[in-house]
């Protein structure tokens, strides 16, 4: 798992990974949709509706991804994934628990939208010094909050840079 995580993070500031799973079903449903072709599984897996993280309508681009397929032909998966433009590593198995499914762990530039929302909420609370007294009581300094805020800004700009490069 550490090897997968290290290959998904091309450089240190880009460390926010987002999961996708297809088909998205509630609980163990025997009537869950089955993919007739590997192409359908790949398309459903990459679809933003299959993401377990909503980053808004801003889109973004996949920096790197790791895809796992269960119950699908390994050779068909490999040939289909080469047609996808993003950089993916793939793994196939014949799991009985999740037959005919696909999971994706990706490093996606769309996470910058979530980080921007966090940035806005954090700055509003920090301006009012909300909850700051609790942390000061535990020995933290206000400067540590400023450093963390700057780290958040740096990550947002790094993801934005990647997103702008992919749209250019």
N, C-alpha and C. Protein backbone atom coordinates (compact mmCIF):
# COMPACT_ATOMS: atom_id res chain seq x y z
N UNK A 1 0.82 -1.18 0.00
CA UNK A 1 0.00 0.00 0.00
C UNK A 1 0.87 1.25 0.00
N UNK A 2 1.98 1.22 0.73
CA UNK A 2 2.88 2.38 0.77
C UNK A 2 3.46 2.66 -0.61
N UNK A 3 3.76 1.60 -1.38
CA UNK A 3 4.29 1.76 -2.72
C UNK A 3 3.24 2.41 -3.63
N UNK A 4 1.98 2.00 -3.51
CA UNK A 4 0.90 2.59 -4.30
C UNK A 4 0.76 4.06 -3.94
N UNK A 5 0.74 4.38 -2.66
CA UNK A 5 0.58 5.76 -2.22
C UNK A 5 1.73 6.62 -2.69
N UNK A 6 2.95 6.11 -2.63
CA UNK A 6 4.09 6.91 -3.06
C UNK A 6 4.09 7.14 -4.57
N UNK A 7 3.54 6.21 -5.34
CA UNK A 7 3.48 6.42 -6.79
C UNK A 7 2.34 7.35 -7.18
N UNK A 8 1.33 7.52 -6.31
CA UNK A 8 0.22 8.42 -6.60
C UNK A 8 0.54 9.87 -6.28
N UNK A 9 1.58 10.10 -5.51
CA UNK A 9 1.94 11.45 -5.10
C UNK A 9 3.24 11.83 -5.81
N UNK A 10 3.15 12.62 -6.92
CA UNK A 10 4.34 12.92 -7.70
C UNK A 10 5.33 13.82 -6.97
N UNK A 11 4.85 14.74 -6.16
CA UNK A 11 5.73 15.54 -5.32
C UNK A 11 5.01 15.86 -4.02
N UNK A 12 5.76 16.22 -3.02
CA UNK A 12 5.23 16.23 -1.66
C UNK A 12 4.01 17.11 -1.39
N UNK A 13 3.80 18.28 -1.99
CA UNK A 13 2.61 19.04 -1.60
C UNK A 13 1.30 18.44 -2.10
N UNK A 14 1.34 17.58 -3.08
CA UNK A 14 0.12 17.03 -3.68
C UNK A 14 -0.23 15.70 -3.04
N UNK A 15 -0.78 15.74 -1.83
CA UNK A 15 -0.97 14.51 -1.06
C UNK A 15 -2.43 14.16 -0.80
N UNK A 16 -3.39 14.80 -1.43
CA UNK A 16 -4.80 14.56 -1.16
C UNK A 16 -5.35 13.58 -2.17
N UNK A 17 -5.69 12.37 -1.75
CA UNK A 17 -6.18 11.33 -2.65
C UNK A 17 -7.70 11.22 -2.53
N UNK A 18 -8.37 10.97 -3.65
CA UNK A 18 -9.83 10.85 -3.66
C UNK A 18 -10.23 9.47 -4.18
N UNK A 19 -11.21 8.83 -3.56
CA UNK A 19 -11.65 7.49 -3.98
C UNK A 19 -12.88 7.54 -4.90
N UNK A 20 -12.94 6.61 -5.84
CA UNK A 20 -14.11 6.36 -6.68
C UNK A 20 -14.44 4.88 -6.57
N UNK A 21 -15.71 4.54 -6.73
CA UNK A 21 -16.12 3.14 -6.72
C UNK A 21 -17.31 2.98 -7.66
N UNK A 22 -17.27 1.97 -8.49
CA UNK A 22 -18.39 1.72 -9.40
C UNK A 22 -18.70 0.23 -9.41
N UNK A 23 -19.91 -0.19 -9.39
CA UNK A 23 -21.11 0.64 -9.29
C UNK A 23 -21.34 1.06 -7.86
N UNK A 24 -21.88 2.26 -7.67
CA UNK A 24 -22.20 2.75 -6.34
C UNK A 24 -23.55 2.17 -5.96
N UNK A 25 -23.54 1.30 -4.96
CA UNK A 25 -24.78 0.66 -4.49
C UNK A 25 -24.84 0.79 -2.97
N UNK A 26 -26.02 0.67 -2.44
CA UNK A 26 -26.23 0.79 -1.00
C UNK A 26 -26.27 -0.60 -0.39
N UNK A 27 -25.30 -0.91 0.45
CA UNK A 27 -25.28 -2.21 1.11
C UNK A 27 -24.95 -3.34 0.15
N UNK A 28 -25.25 -4.54 0.56
CA UNK A 28 -25.03 -5.70 -0.28
C UNK A 28 -26.32 -5.94 -1.06
N UNK A 29 -26.34 -5.51 -2.28
CA UNK A 29 -27.54 -5.58 -3.11
C UNK A 29 -27.30 -6.62 -4.20
N UNK A 30 -28.09 -7.65 -4.22
CA UNK A 30 -27.92 -8.69 -5.23
C UNK A 30 -28.39 -8.22 -6.59
N UNK A 31 -29.14 -7.11 -6.62
CA UNK A 31 -29.60 -6.57 -7.90
C UNK A 31 -28.68 -5.47 -8.42
N UNK A 32 -27.47 -5.38 -7.88
CA UNK A 32 -26.53 -4.35 -8.31
C UNK A 32 -26.24 -4.50 -9.80
N UNK A 33 -26.06 -3.38 -10.50
CA UNK A 33 -25.83 -3.47 -11.94
C UNK A 33 -24.53 -4.19 -12.25
N UNK A 34 -24.56 -4.98 -13.29
CA UNK A 34 -23.37 -5.72 -13.73
C UNK A 34 -22.88 -5.09 -15.02
N UNK A 35 -21.57 -4.97 -15.15
CA UNK A 35 -20.99 -4.42 -16.37
C UNK A 35 -20.90 -5.51 -17.42
N UNK A 36 -21.40 -5.23 -18.60
CA UNK A 36 -21.33 -6.21 -19.69
C UNK A 36 -19.96 -6.17 -20.35
N UNK A 37 -19.35 -4.98 -20.38
CA UNK A 37 -18.03 -4.83 -21.00
C UNK A 37 -17.11 -4.08 -20.04
N UNK A 38 -15.82 -4.29 -20.22
CA UNK A 38 -14.83 -3.61 -19.39
C UNK A 38 -14.89 -2.10 -19.64
N UNK A 39 -15.19 -1.71 -20.87
CA UNK A 39 -15.28 -0.29 -21.22
C UNK A 39 -16.32 0.41 -20.35
N UNK A 40 -17.44 -0.25 -20.08
CA UNK A 40 -18.48 0.33 -19.22
C UNK A 40 -17.97 0.51 -17.79
N UNK A 41 -17.21 -0.47 -17.30
CA UNK A 41 -16.67 -0.39 -15.94
C UNK A 41 -15.68 0.76 -15.82
N UNK A 42 -14.83 0.92 -16.82
CA UNK A 42 -13.83 2.00 -16.79
C UNK A 42 -14.53 3.35 -16.86
N UNK A 43 -15.50 3.47 -17.74
CA UNK A 43 -16.23 4.74 -17.88
C UNK A 43 -16.97 5.09 -16.58
N UNK A 44 -17.61 4.10 -15.97
CA UNK A 44 -18.34 4.34 -14.71
C UNK A 44 -17.39 4.69 -13.58
N UNK A 45 -16.22 4.06 -13.56
CA UNK A 45 -15.26 4.30 -12.49
C UNK A 45 -14.69 5.71 -12.56
N UNK A 46 -14.43 6.22 -13.75
CA UNK A 46 -13.83 7.54 -13.92
C UNK A 46 -14.87 8.65 -13.79
N UNK A 47 -16.14 8.32 -13.97
CA UNK A 47 -17.21 9.30 -13.90
C UNK A 47 -17.21 10.02 -12.55
N UNK A 48 -17.29 11.35 -12.54
CA UNK A 48 -17.33 12.09 -11.26
C UNK A 48 -18.49 11.68 -10.35
N UNK A 49 -19.55 11.12 -10.91
CA UNK A 49 -20.66 10.67 -10.07
C UNK A 49 -20.28 9.47 -9.21
N UNK A 50 -19.22 8.75 -9.59
CA UNK A 50 -18.75 7.61 -8.81
C UNK A 50 -17.77 8.02 -7.73
N UNK A 51 -17.41 9.28 -7.71
CA UNK A 51 -16.46 9.76 -6.71
C UNK A 51 -17.12 9.85 -5.35
N UNK A 52 -16.40 9.49 -4.33
CA UNK A 52 -16.90 9.60 -2.97
C UNK A 52 -16.58 10.97 -2.38
N UNK A 53 -15.99 11.84 -3.20
CA UNK A 53 -15.68 13.21 -2.81
C UNK A 53 -16.27 14.15 -3.86
N UNK A 54 -17.08 15.10 -3.41
CA UNK A 54 -17.66 16.07 -4.34
C UNK A 54 -16.83 17.34 -4.32
N UNK A 55 -16.20 17.67 -5.43
CA UNK A 55 -15.36 18.87 -5.45
C UNK A 55 -15.99 19.99 -6.24
N UNK A 56 -17.23 19.86 -6.63
CA UNK A 56 -17.94 20.95 -7.29
C UNK A 56 -17.93 20.80 -8.80
N UNK A 57 -18.42 21.82 -9.45
CA UNK A 57 -18.56 21.77 -10.90
C UNK A 57 -17.32 22.25 -11.64
N UNK A 58 -16.28 22.59 -10.90
CA UNK A 58 -15.07 23.13 -11.51
C UNK A 58 -14.26 22.14 -12.30
N UNK A 59 -14.54 20.86 -12.15
CA UNK A 59 -13.79 19.85 -12.90
C UNK A 59 -12.41 19.64 -12.33
N UNK A 60 -11.47 19.48 -13.20
CA UNK A 60 -10.10 19.21 -12.79
C UNK A 60 -9.53 18.10 -13.65
N UNK A 61 -8.34 17.69 -13.32
CA UNK A 61 -7.71 16.64 -14.09
C UNK A 61 -7.08 15.62 -13.15
N UNK A 62 -7.01 14.39 -13.63
CA UNK A 62 -6.41 13.31 -12.85
C UNK A 62 -4.90 13.39 -13.02
N UNK A 63 -4.19 13.46 -11.92
CA UNK A 63 -2.74 13.52 -11.96
C UNK A 63 -2.18 12.11 -12.07
N UNK A 64 -2.68 11.22 -11.24
CA UNK A 64 -2.25 9.82 -11.26
C UNK A 64 -3.34 9.02 -10.56
N UNK A 65 -3.49 7.76 -10.94
CA UNK A 65 -4.52 6.94 -10.33
C UNK A 65 -4.12 5.49 -10.20
N UNK A 66 -4.76 4.80 -9.27
CA UNK A 66 -4.60 3.36 -9.09
C UNK A 66 -5.98 2.74 -9.18
N UNK A 67 -6.18 1.87 -10.14
CA UNK A 67 -7.49 1.25 -10.36
C UNK A 67 -7.43 -0.23 -10.01
N UNK A 68 -8.47 -0.71 -9.34
CA UNK A 68 -8.58 -2.13 -9.04
C UNK A 68 -9.92 -2.63 -9.58
N UNK A 69 -9.87 -3.72 -10.31
CA UNK A 69 -11.05 -4.32 -10.90
C UNK A 69 -11.27 -5.69 -10.32
N UNK A 70 -12.52 -6.01 -10.02
CA UNK A 70 -12.87 -7.32 -9.49
C UNK A 70 -13.86 -8.00 -10.42
N UNK A 71 -13.58 -9.24 -10.75
CA UNK A 71 -14.48 -10.03 -11.56
C UNK A 71 -14.47 -9.67 -13.03
N UNK A 72 -13.46 -8.95 -13.49
CA UNK A 72 -13.36 -8.58 -14.89
C UNK A 72 -12.08 -9.15 -15.49
N UNK A 73 -12.09 -9.41 -16.77
CA UNK A 73 -10.96 -10.02 -17.46
C UNK A 73 -9.72 -9.12 -17.38
N UNK A 74 -8.63 -9.67 -16.88
CA UNK A 74 -7.39 -8.92 -16.67
C UNK A 74 -6.83 -8.34 -17.97
N UNK A 75 -6.88 -9.09 -19.05
CA UNK A 75 -6.31 -8.61 -20.33
C UNK A 75 -7.17 -7.51 -20.94
N UNK A 76 -8.48 -7.65 -20.81
CA UNK A 76 -9.38 -6.61 -21.32
C UNK A 76 -9.23 -5.33 -20.52
N UNK A 77 -9.02 -5.47 -19.21
CA UNK A 77 -8.81 -4.29 -18.37
C UNK A 77 -7.53 -3.57 -18.81
N UNK A 78 -6.46 -4.31 -19.00
CA UNK A 78 -5.18 -3.70 -19.39
C UNK A 78 -5.29 -2.96 -20.71
N UNK A 79 -5.95 -3.57 -21.70
CA UNK A 79 -6.08 -2.90 -23.00
C UNK A 79 -6.99 -1.69 -22.93
N UNK A 80 -8.04 -1.75 -22.12
CA UNK A 80 -8.96 -0.62 -22.00
C UNK A 80 -8.31 0.54 -21.25
N UNK A 81 -7.52 0.24 -20.23
CA UNK A 81 -6.90 1.30 -19.44
C UNK A 81 -5.82 2.04 -20.23
N UNK A 82 -5.22 1.40 -21.22
CA UNK A 82 -4.23 2.11 -22.04
C UNK A 82 -4.89 3.16 -22.92
N UNK A 83 -6.19 3.01 -23.18
CA UNK A 83 -6.88 4.01 -23.99
C UNK A 83 -7.29 5.23 -23.19
N UNK A 84 -7.21 5.14 -21.86
CA UNK A 84 -7.53 6.28 -21.00
C UNK A 84 -6.32 7.21 -20.97
N UNK A 85 -6.57 8.50 -21.05
CA UNK A 85 -5.45 9.45 -21.16
C UNK A 85 -4.67 9.63 -19.87
N UNK A 86 -5.29 9.40 -18.72
CA UNK A 86 -4.60 9.62 -17.44
C UNK A 86 -3.59 8.50 -17.18
N UNK A 87 -2.73 8.73 -16.24
CA UNK A 87 -1.69 7.78 -15.87
C UNK A 87 -2.21 6.90 -14.74
N UNK A 88 -2.52 5.64 -15.06
CA UNK A 88 -3.08 4.70 -14.08
C UNK A 88 -2.20 3.48 -13.92
N UNK A 89 -2.20 2.96 -12.72
CA UNK A 89 -1.70 1.62 -12.48
C UNK A 89 -2.94 0.77 -12.25
N UNK A 90 -2.95 -0.47 -12.72
CA UNK A 90 -4.14 -1.30 -12.57
C UNK A 90 -3.81 -2.61 -11.88
N UNK A 91 -4.82 -3.17 -11.26
CA UNK A 91 -4.73 -4.46 -10.61
C UNK A 91 -6.07 -5.15 -10.77
N UNK A 92 -6.06 -6.40 -11.15
CA UNK A 92 -7.30 -7.16 -11.30
C UNK A 92 -7.27 -8.37 -10.39
N UNK A 93 -8.42 -8.71 -9.81
CA UNK A 93 -8.54 -9.94 -9.05
C UNK A 93 -9.93 -10.53 -9.26
N UNK A 94 -10.12 -11.70 -8.73
CA UNK A 94 -11.41 -12.38 -8.91
C UNK A 94 -12.10 -12.50 -7.56
N UNK A 95 -12.34 -11.37 -6.93
CA UNK A 95 -12.97 -11.34 -5.61
C UNK A 95 -14.42 -11.78 -5.71
N UNK A 96 -14.85 -12.59 -4.78
CA UNK A 96 -16.25 -13.03 -4.74
C UNK A 96 -17.12 -11.97 -4.04
N UNK A 97 -16.51 -11.18 -3.14
CA UNK A 97 -17.28 -10.21 -2.38
C UNK A 97 -17.76 -9.06 -3.27
N UNK A 98 -16.88 -8.52 -4.10
CA UNK A 98 -17.24 -7.43 -5.00
C UNK A 98 -17.07 -7.90 -6.43
N UNK A 99 -17.95 -8.75 -6.89
CA UNK A 99 -17.81 -9.23 -8.25
C UNK A 99 -18.26 -8.14 -9.21
N UNK A 100 -17.52 -8.02 -10.29
CA UNK A 100 -17.88 -7.10 -11.35
C UNK A 100 -17.94 -5.66 -10.85
N UNK A 101 -16.83 -5.19 -10.29
CA UNK A 101 -16.79 -3.83 -9.78
C UNK A 101 -15.42 -3.22 -10.07
N UNK A 102 -15.35 -1.91 -9.88
CA UNK A 102 -14.10 -1.19 -10.12
C UNK A 102 -13.93 -0.13 -9.03
N UNK A 103 -12.71 0.00 -8.55
CA UNK A 103 -12.39 1.02 -7.55
C UNK A 103 -11.20 1.83 -8.05
N UNK A 104 -11.19 3.09 -7.72
CA UNK A 104 -10.12 3.99 -8.18
C UNK A 104 -9.70 4.87 -7.02
N UNK A 105 -8.41 4.95 -6.79
CA UNK A 105 -7.84 5.89 -5.85
C UNK A 105 -7.01 6.84 -6.70
N UNK A 106 -7.36 8.12 -6.67
CA UNK A 106 -6.71 9.04 -7.60
C UNK A 106 -6.23 10.30 -6.90
N UNK A 107 -5.19 10.87 -7.48
CA UNK A 107 -4.71 12.18 -7.09
C UNK A 107 -5.27 13.12 -8.14
N UNK A 108 -6.23 13.96 -7.76
CA UNK A 108 -7.02 14.75 -8.71
C UNK A 108 -6.89 16.24 -8.38
N UNK A 109 -6.71 17.06 -9.39
CA UNK A 109 -6.55 18.50 -9.14
C UNK A 109 -7.85 19.16 -8.70
N UNK A 110 -8.99 18.49 -8.88
CA UNK A 110 -10.26 19.04 -8.44
C UNK A 110 -10.36 19.18 -6.93
N UNK A 111 -9.47 18.54 -6.20
CA UNK A 111 -9.48 18.65 -4.74
C UNK A 111 -9.19 20.09 -4.31
N UNK A 112 -8.63 20.89 -5.21
CA UNK A 112 -8.35 22.29 -4.87
C UNK A 112 -9.63 23.05 -4.54
N UNK A 113 -10.76 22.66 -5.13
CA UNK A 113 -12.04 23.32 -4.81
C UNK A 113 -12.44 23.07 -3.35
N UNK A 114 -12.22 21.85 -2.88
CA UNK A 114 -12.52 21.52 -1.48
C UNK A 114 -11.58 22.28 -0.56
N UNK A 115 -10.30 22.33 -0.93
CA UNK A 115 -9.33 23.05 -0.11
C UNK A 115 -9.63 24.54 -0.07
N UNK A 116 -10.16 25.10 -1.16
CA UNK A 116 -10.54 26.52 -1.17
C UNK A 116 -11.72 26.77 -0.24
N UNK A 117 -12.69 25.85 -0.21
CA UNK A 117 -13.80 26.01 0.73
C UNK A 117 -13.30 25.94 2.17
N UNK A 118 -12.37 25.03 2.42
CA UNK A 118 -11.76 24.93 3.75
C UNK A 118 -11.00 26.21 4.08
N UNK A 119 -10.32 26.76 3.10
CA UNK A 119 -9.57 28.00 3.28
C UNK A 119 -10.50 29.15 3.68
N UNK A 120 -11.64 29.27 3.00
CA UNK A 120 -12.59 30.34 3.32
C UNK A 120 -13.14 30.18 4.74
N UNK A 121 -13.51 28.96 5.09
CA UNK A 121 -14.06 28.72 6.43
C UNK A 121 -13.00 28.97 7.51
N UNK A 122 -11.78 28.51 7.25
CA UNK A 122 -10.70 28.69 8.22
C UNK A 122 -10.39 30.17 8.42
N UNK A 123 -10.31 30.92 7.33
CA UNK A 123 -9.96 32.34 7.47
C UNK A 123 -11.04 33.12 8.21
N UNK A 124 -12.32 32.78 7.98
CA UNK A 124 -13.40 33.44 8.72
C UNK A 124 -13.30 33.15 10.22
N UNK A 125 -13.05 31.90 10.55
CA UNK A 125 -12.95 31.54 11.97
C UNK A 125 -11.70 32.13 12.61
N UNK A 126 -10.60 32.14 11.88
CA UNK A 126 -9.35 32.65 12.45
C UNK A 126 -9.41 34.16 12.67
N UNK A 127 -10.10 34.87 11.78
CA UNK A 127 -10.25 36.32 11.97
C UNK A 127 -11.01 36.64 13.25
N UNK A 128 -11.96 35.80 13.61
CA UNK A 128 -12.74 35.99 14.83
C UNK A 128 -12.07 35.36 16.05
N UNK A 129 -10.95 34.69 15.82
CA UNK A 129 -10.23 33.98 16.88
C UNK A 129 -11.11 32.90 17.52
N UNK A 130 -11.99 32.32 16.72
CA UNK A 130 -12.91 31.29 17.21
C UNK A 130 -12.14 30.05 17.62
N UNK A 131 -12.43 29.53 18.78
CA UNK A 131 -11.86 28.31 19.34
C UNK A 131 -10.36 28.38 19.59
N UNK A 132 -9.75 29.50 19.32
CA UNK A 132 -8.30 29.63 19.47
C UNK A 132 -7.87 29.46 20.94
N UNK A 133 -8.70 29.92 21.86
CA UNK A 133 -8.35 29.83 23.28
C UNK A 133 -8.20 28.39 23.75
N UNK A 134 -8.93 27.46 23.14
CA UNK A 134 -8.80 26.05 23.52
C UNK A 134 -7.40 25.53 23.18
N UNK A 135 -6.94 25.88 22.00
CA UNK A 135 -5.64 25.40 21.55
C UNK A 135 -4.51 26.10 22.29
N UNK A 136 -4.68 27.38 22.59
CA UNK A 136 -3.67 28.10 23.37
C UNK A 136 -3.56 27.50 24.77
N UNK A 137 -4.70 27.07 25.32
CA UNK A 137 -4.70 26.43 26.63
C UNK A 137 -3.94 25.11 26.64
N UNK A 138 -3.84 24.46 25.48
CA UNK A 138 -3.09 23.20 25.36
C UNK A 138 -1.64 23.42 24.98
N UNK A 139 -1.23 24.70 24.87
CA UNK A 139 0.18 24.98 24.62
C UNK A 139 0.53 25.36 23.19
N UNK A 140 -0.45 25.49 22.31
CA UNK A 140 -0.16 25.89 20.93
C UNK A 140 -0.02 27.41 20.86
N UNK A 141 0.71 27.83 19.88
CA UNK A 141 0.94 29.25 19.66
C UNK A 141 0.15 29.69 18.42
N UNK A 142 -0.22 30.95 18.38
CA UNK A 142 -0.97 31.47 17.23
C UNK A 142 -0.16 31.38 15.94
N UNK A 143 1.15 31.43 16.06
CA UNK A 143 2.02 31.33 14.88
C UNK A 143 1.87 29.98 14.19
N UNK A 144 1.61 28.92 14.94
CA UNK A 144 1.42 27.59 14.35
C UNK A 144 0.19 27.57 13.44
N UNK A 145 -0.83 28.31 13.81
CA UNK A 145 -2.02 28.40 12.97
C UNK A 145 -1.72 29.14 11.67
N UNK A 146 -0.91 30.18 11.77
CA UNK A 146 -0.53 30.93 10.58
C UNK A 146 0.32 30.08 9.64
N UNK A 147 1.21 29.27 10.20
CA UNK A 147 2.02 28.37 9.38
C UNK A 147 1.16 27.31 8.70
N UNK A 148 0.20 26.76 9.42
CA UNK A 148 -0.71 25.76 8.83
C UNK A 148 -1.54 26.38 7.72
N UNK A 149 -1.98 27.62 7.93
CA UNK A 149 -2.76 28.32 6.92
C UNK A 149 -1.93 28.55 5.67
N UNK A 150 -0.66 28.91 5.84
CA UNK A 150 0.22 29.11 4.68
C UNK A 150 0.46 27.78 3.95
N UNK A 151 0.57 26.69 4.70
CA UNK A 151 0.71 25.37 4.07
C UNK A 151 -0.51 25.01 3.24
N UNK A 152 -1.69 25.34 3.74
CA UNK A 152 -2.93 25.10 2.99
C UNK A 152 -2.93 25.92 1.71
N UNK A 153 -2.54 27.19 1.79
CA UNK A 153 -2.47 28.06 0.60
C UNK A 153 -1.48 27.50 -0.42
N UNK A 154 -0.35 26.98 0.05
CA UNK A 154 0.65 26.40 -0.85
C UNK A 154 0.10 25.19 -1.58
N UNK A 155 -0.64 24.34 -0.89
CA UNK A 155 -1.24 23.16 -1.53
C UNK A 155 -2.29 23.55 -2.56
N UNK A 156 -3.08 24.55 -2.23
CA UNK A 156 -4.09 25.02 -3.18
C UNK A 156 -3.42 25.54 -4.44
N UNK A 157 -2.37 26.32 -4.30
CA UNK A 157 -1.70 26.86 -5.48
C UNK A 157 -1.00 25.76 -6.28
N UNK A 158 -0.47 24.73 -5.60
CA UNK A 158 0.16 23.63 -6.33
C UNK A 158 -0.86 22.86 -7.16
N UNK A 159 -2.04 22.56 -6.58
CA UNK A 159 -3.08 21.88 -7.34
C UNK A 159 -3.63 22.76 -8.45
N UNK A 160 -3.76 24.07 -8.22
CA UNK A 160 -4.23 24.98 -9.25
C UNK A 160 -3.24 25.02 -10.42
N UNK A 161 -1.95 25.00 -10.11
CA UNK A 161 -0.93 25.02 -11.15
C UNK A 161 -1.06 23.79 -12.04
N UNK A 162 -1.24 22.62 -11.43
CA UNK A 162 -1.42 21.38 -12.18
C UNK A 162 -2.69 21.47 -13.03
N UNK A 163 -3.77 22.00 -12.46
CA UNK A 163 -5.03 22.10 -13.18
C UNK A 163 -4.91 23.06 -14.37
N UNK A 164 -4.22 24.17 -14.17
CA UNK A 164 -4.05 25.13 -15.26
C UNK A 164 -3.17 24.58 -16.37
N UNK A 165 -2.16 23.79 -16.01
CA UNK A 165 -1.29 23.17 -17.01
C UNK A 165 -2.04 22.16 -17.85
N UNK A 166 -2.99 21.44 -17.24
CA UNK A 166 -3.73 20.41 -17.98
C UNK A 166 -4.76 21.02 -18.91
N UNK A 167 -5.28 22.23 -18.58
CA UNK A 167 -6.27 22.84 -19.45
C UNK A 167 -5.63 23.67 -20.56
N UNK A 168 -4.33 23.98 -20.42
CA UNK A 168 -3.64 24.78 -21.44
C UNK A 168 -3.24 23.95 -22.62
